[in-house]
């Protein structure tokens, strides 16, 4: 909850003007689209398997209550009437010492959700939408054309049904000029809040996991580079989280 609150604050600060996005989850597609277009929003519809009847909106990005400028896009995920596919999650882990690098600790079947479309968005806003959809956002700095700090590619691709709790990799353009930024201290924070703080500082983030005591689950145990270090903008910070 703390992590989602941080993402909400980041998104709110970046979208404090414009009409409010209405709640359309649970409405038929046609009615939902009408509600949004009547307020000046563009609408993108992604149809995928879900537990709801065919044609019903199962989720929206951004969520209800968000302020967007007129002409900006609201993405709707709409049920095609087919049941949600449950697929086994396979995890490949690389262990070095006592630290395990992994995208998920799940070994049992897991439900899936569609990956939101975030290419072209600022990394903090994009990662917030990815995490709100139930995934872990990994941001990777890449040399690419585009606005520095913007997402130029995502994997899995937008609309793909991916395992909830899995990693969505976001490639972030760094640009030719990378001014120095200070690395904030995120040790002791919940992983979601830590990722949000690092992205707000114009850094990128990779998450690793380490088994520990029950009270350490979901909490950042260490980070590299360390707090207070100076690094080029969009340098990737690795956080180790208790699992």
C-alpha atoms as a PDB file:
ATOM      1  CA  UNK A   1       0.000   0.000   0.000  1.00  0.00           C
ATOM      2  CA  UNK A   2       2.860   2.399   0.789  1.00  0.00           C
ATOM      3  CA  UNK A   3       4.380   1.717  -2.607  1.00  0.00           C
ATOM      4  CA  UNK A   4       1.111   2.335  -4.456  1.00  0.00           C
ATOM      5  CA  UNK A   5       0.618   5.560  -2.482  1.00  0.00           C
ATOM      6  CA  UNK A   6       4.002   6.828  -3.654  1.00  0.00           C
ATOM      7  CA  UNK A   7       3.132   5.961  -7.272  1.00  0.00           C
ATOM      8  CA  UNK A   8      -0.175   7.804  -6.843  1.00  0.00           C
ATOM      9  CA  UNK A   9       1.588  10.910  -5.549  1.00  0.00           C
ATOM     10  CA  UNK A  10       4.075  10.847  -8.423  1.00  0.00           C
ATOM     11  CA  UNK A  11       1.271  10.562 -10.980  1.00  0.00           C
ATOM     12  CA  UNK A  12      -0.837  13.192  -9.228  1.00  0.00           C
ATOM     13  CA  UNK A  13       1.983  15.730  -9.177  1.00  0.00           C
ATOM     14  CA  UNK A  14       2.551  15.247 -12.888  1.00  0.00           C
ATOM     15  CA  UNK A  15      -1.160  15.483 -13.791  1.00  0.00           C
ATOM     16  CA  UNK A  16      -2.616  18.174 -11.521  1.00  0.00           C
ATOM     17  CA  UNK A  17      -4.607  19.919 -14.286  1.00  0.00           C
ATOM     18  CA  UNK A  18      -7.289  18.863 -16.722  1.00  0.00           C
ATOM     19  CA  UNK A  19     -10.537  16.929 -16.426  1.00  0.00           C
ATOM     20  CA  UNK A  20     -10.901  14.024 -14.014  1.00  0.00           C
ATOM     21  CA  UNK A  21     -10.943  10.511 -15.473  1.00  0.00           C
ATOM     22  CA  UNK A  22     -14.294   8.884 -14.567  1.00  0.00           C
ATOM     23  CA  UNK A  23     -14.668   5.354 -13.206  1.00  0.00           C
ATOM     24  CA  UNK A  24     -15.732   3.077 -16.060  1.00  0.00           C
ATOM     25  CA  UNK A  25     -14.679  -0.366 -14.785  1.00  0.00           C
ATOM     26  CA  UNK A  26     -17.699  -2.669 -14.908  1.00  0.00           C
ATOM     27  CA  UNK A  27     -19.433  -0.719 -17.686  1.00  0.00           C
ATOM     28  CA  UNK A  28     -20.103  -2.049 -21.192  1.00  0.00           C
ATOM     29  CA  UNK A  29     -17.390  -1.007 -23.648  1.00  0.00           C
ATOM     30  CA  UNK A  30     -19.590   1.322 -25.707  1.00  0.00           C
ATOM     31  CA  UNK A  31     -20.886   3.193 -22.679  1.00  0.00           C
ATOM     32  CA  UNK A  32     -17.379   3.473 -21.144  1.00  0.00           C
ATOM     33  CA  UNK A  33     -15.936   4.869 -24.373  1.00  0.00           C
ATOM     34  CA  UNK A  34     -18.791   7.361 -24.567  1.00  0.00           C
ATOM     35  CA  UNK A  35     -18.183   8.535 -20.982  1.00  0.00           C
ATOM     36  CA  UNK A  36     -14.509   9.141 -21.703  1.00  0.00           C
ATOM     37  CA  UNK A  37     -14.802  10.760 -25.121  1.00  0.00           C
ATOM     38  CA  UNK A  38     -17.503  13.108 -23.846  1.00  0.00           C
ATOM     39  CA  UNK A  39     -14.908  14.491 -21.414  1.00  0.00           C
ATOM     40  CA  UNK A  40     -12.343  15.038 -24.129  1.00  0.00           C
ATOM     41  CA  UNK A  41     -10.172  11.918 -23.724  1.00  0.00           C
ATOM     42  CA  UNK A  42      -8.927   9.610 -26.449  1.00  0.00           C
ATOM     43  CA  UNK A  43      -9.603   5.930 -25.765  1.00  0.00           C
ATOM     44  CA  UNK A  44      -7.605   2.812 -26.561  1.00  0.00           C
ATOM     45  CA  UNK A  45      -9.339  -0.537 -26.080  1.00  0.00           C
ATOM     46  CA  UNK A  46      -7.458  -3.800 -25.453  1.00  0.00           C
ATOM     47  CA  UNK A  47      -9.633  -6.926 -25.619  1.00  0.00           C
ATOM     48  CA  UNK A  48      -8.345  -9.934 -23.663  1.00  0.00           C
ATOM     49  CA  UNK A  49      -9.547 -12.900 -21.567  1.00  0.00           C
ATOM     50  CA  UNK A  50     -11.100 -11.987 -18.216  1.00  0.00           C
ATOM     51  CA  UNK A  51     -13.580 -13.247 -15.646  1.00  0.00           C
ATOM     52  CA  UNK A  52     -16.156 -10.610 -16.625  1.00  0.00           C
ATOM     53  CA  UNK A  53     -18.770 -11.127 -19.393  1.00  0.00           C
ATOM     54  CA  UNK A  54     -17.866 -10.214 -22.948  1.00  0.00           C
ATOM     55  CA  UNK A  55     -17.671  -6.483 -23.640  1.00  0.00           C
ATOM     56  CA  UNK A  56     -17.319  -5.414 -20.004  1.00  0.00           C
ATOM     57  CA  UNK A  57     -14.447  -3.124 -18.939  1.00  0.00           C
ATOM     58  CA  UNK A  58     -12.252  -4.965 -16.421  1.00  0.00           C
ATOM     59  CA  UNK A  59      -9.599  -2.282 -15.816  1.00  0.00           C
ATOM     60  CA  UNK A  60      -8.609   1.211 -16.881  1.00  0.00           C
ATOM     61  CA  UNK A  61      -5.326   3.093 -17.056  1.00  0.00           C
ATOM     62  CA  UNK A  62      -5.023   5.641 -15.583  1.00  0.00           C
ATOM     63  CA  UNK A  63      -7.487   4.949 -12.811  1.00  0.00           C
ATOM     64  CA  UNK A  64     -10.579   6.891 -11.878  1.00  0.00           C
ATOM     65  CA  UNK A  65      -9.866  10.255 -10.271  1.00  0.00           C
ATOM     66  CA  UNK A  66      -6.678  10.930 -12.232  1.00  0.00           C
ATOM     67  CA  UNK A  67      -6.477  14.301 -13.968  1.00  0.00           C
ATOM     68  CA  UNK A  68      -5.415  14.254 -17.626  1.00  0.00           C
ATOM     69  CA  UNK A  69      -5.189  16.896 -20.303  1.00  0.00           C
ATOM     70  CA  UNK A  70      -7.845  16.820 -23.000  1.00  0.00           C
ATOM     71  CA  UNK A  71      -6.818  14.592 -25.885  1.00  0.00           C
ATOM     72  CA  UNK A  72      -4.717  12.297 -23.707  1.00  0.00           C
ATOM     73  CA  UNK A  73      -5.368   8.573 -23.861  1.00  0.00           C
ATOM     74  CA  UNK A  74      -7.193   6.345 -21.397  1.00  0.00           C
ATOM     75  CA  UNK A  75      -6.588   2.631 -22.000  1.00  0.00           C
ATOM     76  CA  UNK A  76      -9.440   0.201 -21.325  1.00  0.00           C
ATOM     77  CA  UNK A  77      -8.993  -3.529 -20.908  1.00  0.00           C
ATOM     78  CA  UNK A  78     -12.191  -5.225 -22.046  1.00  0.00           C
ATOM     79  CA  UNK A  79     -13.232  -8.851 -21.568  1.00  0.00           C
ATOM     80  CA  UNK A  80     -13.631 -11.050 -24.647  1.00  0.00           C
ATOM     81  CA  UNK A  81     -15.834 -13.406 -22.646  1.00  0.00           C
ATOM     82  CA  UNK A  82     -13.232 -16.156 -22.394  1.00  0.00           C
ATOM     83  CA  UNK A  83     -11.918 -17.321 -19.015  1.00  0.00           C
ATOM     84  CA  UNK A  84      -8.598 -16.023 -17.758  1.00  0.00           C
ATOM     85  CA  UNK A  85      -5.888 -18.444 -18.729  1.00  0.00           C
ATOM     86  CA  UNK A  86      -3.949 -19.838 -15.786  1.00  0.00           C
ATOM     87  CA  UNK A  87      -0.402 -20.665 -16.755  1.00  0.00           C
ATOM     88  CA  UNK A  88       2.491 -22.117 -14.754  1.00  0.00           C
ATOM     89  CA  UNK A  89       5.177 -19.604 -13.884  1.00  0.00           C
ATOM     90  CA  UNK A  90       8.709 -20.821 -14.419  1.00  0.00           C
ATOM     91  CA  UNK A  91      11.472 -18.982 -12.627  1.00  0.00           C
ATOM     92  CA  UNK A  92      15.100 -18.902 -13.633  1.00  0.00           C
ATOM     93  CA  UNK A  93      17.301 -17.910 -10.729  1.00  0.00           C
ATOM     94  CA  UNK A  94      20.995 -17.160 -10.603  1.00  0.00           C
ATOM     95  CA  UNK A  95      22.484 -17.454  -7.137  1.00  0.00           C
ATOM     96  CA  UNK A  96      25.661 -15.687  -6.096  1.00  0.00           C
ATOM     97  CA  UNK A  97      26.545 -16.186  -2.449  1.00  0.00           C
ATOM     98  CA  UNK A  98      23.372 -15.605  -0.488  1.00  0.00           C
ATOM     99  CA  UNK A  99      21.728 -13.313  -3.034  1.00  0.00           C
ATOM    100  CA  UNK A 100      19.345 -14.691  -5.630  1.00  0.00           C
ATOM    101  CA  UNK A 101      18.485 -12.734  -8.751  1.00  0.00           C
ATOM    102  CA  UNK A 102      14.973 -13.600  -9.835  1.00  0.00           C
ATOM    103  CA  UNK A 103      11.900 -11.983 -11.264  1.00  0.00           C
ATOM    104  CA  UNK A 104       9.451 -14.013  -9.217  1.00  0.00           C
ATOM    105  CA  UNK A 105       9.417 -16.615  -6.449  1.00  0.00           C
ATOM    106  CA  UNK A 106       6.218 -18.240  -7.670  1.00  0.00           C
ATOM    107  CA  UNK A 107       6.324 -21.886  -8.668  1.00  0.00           C
ATOM    108  CA  UNK A 108       2.571 -22.555  -8.621  1.00  0.00           C
ATOM    109  CA  UNK A 109       0.165 -21.533 -11.388  1.00  0.00           C
ATOM    110  CA  UNK A 110      -0.595 -17.833 -11.376  1.00  0.00           C
ATOM    111  CA  UNK A 111      -3.266 -15.646 -12.907  1.00  0.00           C
ATOM    112  CA  UNK A 112      -2.400 -13.276 -15.702  1.00  0.00           C
ATOM    113  CA  UNK A 113      -3.177  -9.664 -16.536  1.00  0.00           C
ATOM    114  CA  UNK A 114      -2.617  -7.571 -19.668  1.00  0.00           C
ATOM    115  CA  UNK A 115       0.563  -5.492 -19.723  1.00  0.00           C
ATOM    116  CA  UNK A 116      -0.308  -1.769 -20.016  1.00  0.00           C
ATOM    117  CA  UNK A 117       1.040   0.270 -22.923  1.00  0.00           C
ATOM    118  CA  UNK A 118       3.622   2.752 -21.602  1.00  0.00           C
ATOM    119  CA  UNK A 119       6.046   3.346 -24.505  1.00  0.00           C
ATOM    120  CA  UNK A 120       6.691   7.064 -24.927  1.00  0.00           C
ATOM    121  CA  UNK A 121       5.849   7.923 -21.333  1.00  0.00           C
ATOM    122  CA  UNK A 122       8.163   9.263 -18.640  1.00  0.00           C
ATOM    123  CA  UNK A 123       9.805   6.377 -16.775  1.00  0.00           C
ATOM    124  CA  UNK A 124       8.245   7.215 -13.395  1.00  0.00           C
ATOM    125  CA  UNK A 125       4.724   7.486 -14.812  1.00  0.00           C
ATOM    126  CA  UNK A 126       5.203   4.357 -16.940  1.00  0.00           C
ATOM    127  CA  UNK A 127       6.568   2.290 -14.068  1.00  0.00           C
ATOM    128  CA  UNK A 128       3.730   3.469 -11.842  1.00  0.00           C
ATOM    129  CA  UNK A 129       1.163   2.159 -14.321  1.00  0.00           C
ATOM    130  CA  UNK A 130       3.030  -1.142 -14.666  1.00  0.00           C
ATOM    131  CA  UNK A 131       3.145  -1.650 -10.891  1.00  0.00           C
ATOM    132  CA  UNK A 132      -0.481  -0.597 -10.465  1.00  0.00           C
ATOM    133  CA  UNK A 133      -1.376  -3.332 -12.975  1.00  0.00           C
ATOM    134  CA  UNK A 134       0.229  -5.916 -10.676  1.00  0.00           C
ATOM    135  CA  UNK A 135       3.733  -6.255 -12.131  1.00  0.00           C
ATOM    136  CA  UNK A 136       7.261  -5.316 -11.019  1.00  0.00           C
ATOM    137  CA  UNK A 137       8.811  -2.615 -13.212  1.00  0.00           C
ATOM    138  CA  UNK A 138      12.481  -3.018 -14.127  1.00  0.00           C
ATOM    139  CA  UNK A 139      13.925   0.048 -15.832  1.00  0.00           C
ATOM    140  CA  UNK A 140      17.012  -0.395 -18.001  1.00  0.00           C
ATOM    141  CA  UNK A 141      19.030   2.555 -19.381  1.00  0.00           C
ATOM    142  CA  UNK A 142      19.654   2.350 -23.143  1.00  0.00           C
ATOM    143  CA  UNK A 143      21.233   4.586 -25.764  1.00  0.00           C
ATOM    144  CA  UNK A 144      18.300   5.426 -27.990  1.00  0.00           C
ATOM    145  CA  UNK A 145      16.642   8.359 -29.678  1.00  0.00           C
ATOM    146  CA  UNK A 146      13.812   9.927 -27.765  1.00  0.00           C
ATOM    147  CA  UNK A 147      13.319  12.192 -24.794  1.00  0.00           C
ATOM    148  CA  UNK A 148      15.777  11.326 -22.000  1.00  0.00           C
ATOM    149  CA  UNK A 149      13.918   9.430 -19.300  1.00  0.00           C
ATOM    150  CA  UNK A 150      11.187   8.211 -21.631  1.00  0.00           C
ATOM    151  CA  UNK A 151      10.326   4.551 -22.225  1.00  0.00           C
ATOM    152  CA  UNK A 152      11.323   3.419 -25.729  1.00  0.00           C
ATOM    153  CA  UNK A 153      10.467  -0.281 -25.423  1.00  0.00           C
ATOM    154  CA  UNK A 154       8.673  -2.677 -23.070  1.00  0.00           C
ATOM    155  CA  UNK A 155       8.820  -6.451 -22.679  1.00  0.00           C
ATOM    156  CA  UNK A 156       6.453  -8.268 -22.631  1.00  0.00           C
ATOM    157  CA  UNK A 157       4.714  -6.114 -25.236  1.00  0.00           C
ATOM    158  CA  UNK A 158       1.643  -4.058 -24.361  1.00  0.00           C
ATOM    159  CA  UNK A 159      -1.538  -6.147 -24.259  1.00  0.00           C
ATOM    160  CA  UNK A 160       0.330  -9.388 -23.564  1.00  0.00           C
ATOM    161  CA  UNK A 161      -1.235 -11.532 -20.828  1.00  0.00           C
ATOM    162  CA  UNK A 162       1.637 -11.900 -18.344  1.00  0.00           C
ATOM    163  CA  UNK A 163       1.848 -13.501 -14.914  1.00  0.00           C
ATOM    164  CA  UNK A 164       0.817 -11.149 -12.132  1.00  0.00           C
ATOM    165  CA  UNK A 165       3.863 -10.404  -9.965  1.00  0.00           C
ATOM    166  CA  UNK A 166       6.253 -10.921 -12.864  1.00  0.00           C
ATOM    167  CA  UNK A 167       8.724  -8.409 -14.254  1.00  0.00           C
ATOM    168  CA  UNK A 168       7.973  -5.978 -17.073  1.00  0.00           C
ATOM    169  CA  UNK A 169      11.213  -4.597 -18.511  1.00  0.00           C
ATOM    170  CA  UNK A 170      11.146  -0.948 -19.564  1.00  0.00           C
ATOM    171  CA  UNK A 171      13.995   0.360 -21.731  1.00  0.00           C
ATOM    172  CA  UNK A 172      14.652   4.013 -20.864  1.00  0.00           C
ATOM    173  CA  UNK A 173      16.404   6.461 -23.206  1.00  0.00           C
ATOM    174  CA  UNK A 174      19.334   8.188 -21.483  1.00  0.00           C
ATOM    175  CA  UNK A 175      20.282  10.778 -24.103  1.00  0.00           C
ATOM    176  CA  UNK A 176      23.777  12.031 -24.976  1.00  0.00           C
ATOM    177  CA  UNK A 177      24.087  14.316 -21.942  1.00  0.00           C
ATOM    178  CA  UNK A 178      23.724  12.764 -18.490  1.00  0.00           C
ATOM    179  CA  UNK A 179      24.068  15.287 -15.643  1.00  0.00           C
ATOM    180  CA  UNK A 180      25.088  13.940 -12.249  1.00  0.00           C
ATOM    181  CA  UNK A 181      22.345  13.134  -9.754  1.00  0.00           C
ATOM    182  CA  UNK A 182      22.481  12.019  -6.125  1.00  0.00           C
ATOM    183  CA  UNK A 183      21.365   8.508  -5.177  1.00  0.00           C
ATOM    184  CA  UNK A 184      18.727   8.622  -2.401  1.00  0.00           C
ATOM    185  CA  UNK A 185      18.714   6.224   0.539  1.00  0.00           C
ATOM    186  CA  UNK A 186      15.983   3.604   0.052  1.00  0.00           C
ATOM    187  CA  UNK A 187      17.218   0.907   2.454  1.00  0.00           C
ATOM    188  CA  UNK A 188      14.428  -0.053   4.841  1.00  0.00           C
ATOM    189  CA  UNK A 189      11.671   1.068   2.485  1.00  0.00           C
ATOM    190  CA  UNK A 190       9.107  -1.189   0.849  1.00  0.00           C
ATOM    191  CA  UNK A 191      10.268  -2.197  -2.623  1.00  0.00           C
ATOM    192  CA  UNK A 192       7.540  -0.313  -4.511  1.00  0.00           C
ATOM    193  CA  UNK A 193       8.189   2.922  -2.618  1.00  0.00           C
ATOM    194  CA  UNK A 194      11.936   2.494  -3.132  1.00  0.00           C
ATOM    195  CA  UNK A 195      11.579   2.083  -6.889  1.00  0.00           C
ATOM    196  CA  UNK A 196       9.355   5.160  -7.059  1.00  0.00           C
ATOM    197  CA  UNK A 197      11.874   7.255  -5.095  1.00  0.00           C
ATOM    198  CA  UNK A 198      14.767   6.209  -7.321  1.00  0.00           C
ATOM    199  CA  UNK A 199      12.846   6.904 -10.511  1.00  0.00           C
ATOM    200  CA  UNK A 200      11.816  10.319  -9.181  1.00  0.00           C
ATOM    201  CA  UNK A 201      15.557  11.023  -8.720  1.00  0.00           C
ATOM    202  CA  UNK A 202      16.116  10.290 -12.457  1.00  0.00           C
ATOM    203  CA  UNK A 203      17.686   6.899 -11.897  1.00  0.00           C
ATOM    204  CA  UNK A 204      16.679   3.449 -13.159  1.00  0.00           C
ATOM    205  CA  UNK A 205      16.108   0.360 -11.012  1.00  0.00           C
ATOM    206  CA  UNK A 206      16.747  -3.365 -10.984  1.00  0.00           C
ATOM    207  CA  UNK A 207      15.345  -5.561  -8.202  1.00  0.00           C
ATOM    208  CA  UNK A 208      17.030  -8.629  -6.752  1.00  0.00           C
ATOM    209  CA  UNK A 209      15.717 -10.865  -3.978  1.00  0.00           C
ATOM    210  CA  UNK A 210      17.322 -12.425  -0.922  1.00  0.00           C
ATOM    211  CA  UNK A 211      15.751 -14.863   1.507  1.00  0.00           C
ATOM    212  CA  UNK A 212      15.592 -13.564   5.028  1.00  0.00           C
ATOM    213  CA  UNK A 213      13.445 -13.205   8.131  1.00  0.00           C
ATOM    214  CA  UNK A 214       9.695 -12.771   7.809  1.00  0.00           C
ATOM    215  CA  UNK A 215       9.868  -9.094   8.786  1.00  0.00           C
ATOM    216  CA  UNK A 216      12.240  -8.402   5.891  1.00  0.00           C
ATOM    217  CA  UNK A 217       9.866  -9.632   3.171  1.00  0.00           C
ATOM    218  CA  UNK A 218       9.276  -6.866   0.647  1.00  0.00           C
ATOM    219  CA  UNK A 219      11.764  -4.515   2.354  1.00  0.00           C
ATOM    220  CA  UNK A 220      14.936  -3.166   0.730  1.00  0.00           C
ATOM    221  CA  UNK A 221      17.948  -4.705   2.500  1.00  0.00           C
ATOM    222  CA  UNK A 222      20.725  -3.024   0.499  1.00  0.00           C
ATOM    223  CA  UNK A 223      21.332  -0.902  -2.578  1.00  0.00           C
ATOM    224  CA  UNK A 224      24.120  -0.316  -5.068  1.00  0.00           C
ATOM    225  CA  UNK A 225      25.307   2.385  -5.714  1.00  0.00           C
ATOM    226  CA  UNK A 226      25.004   3.356  -2.083  1.00  0.00           C
ATOM    227  CA  UNK A 227      23.015   6.288  -0.738  1.00  0.00           C
ATOM    228  CA  UNK A 228      24.617   9.687  -1.249  1.00  0.00           C
ATOM    229  CA  UNK A 229      26.690   8.618  -4.239  1.00  0.00           C
ATOM    230  CA  UNK A 230      26.805  10.834  -7.309  1.00  0.00           C
ATOM    231  CA  UNK A 231      26.015   9.085 -10.574  1.00  0.00           C
ATOM    232  CA  UNK A 232      25.076  10.025 -14.159  1.00  0.00           C
ATOM    233  CA  UNK A 233      21.344  10.456 -14.664  1.00  0.00           C
ATOM    234  CA  UNK A 234      19.473   7.193 -15.343  1.00  0.00           C
ATOM    235  CA  UNK A 235      22.221   5.034 -13.860  1.00  0.00           C
ATOM    236  CA  UNK A 236      20.689   1.721 -12.824  1.00  0.00           C
ATOM    237  CA  UNK A 237      20.492   1.193  -9.068  1.00  0.00           C
ATOM    238  CA  UNK A 238      20.213  -2.399  -7.866  1.00  0.00           C
ATOM    239  CA  UNK A 239      18.093  -2.944  -4.774  1.00  0.00           C
ATOM    240  CA  UNK A 240      18.116  -6.214  -2.838  1.00  0.00           C
ATOM    241  CA  UNK A 241      14.696  -7.021  -1.352  1.00  0.00           C
ATOM    242  CA  UNK A 242      13.806  -9.570   1.306  1.00  0.00           C
ATOM    243  CA  UNK A 243      11.812 -12.584   0.129  1.00  0.00           C
END
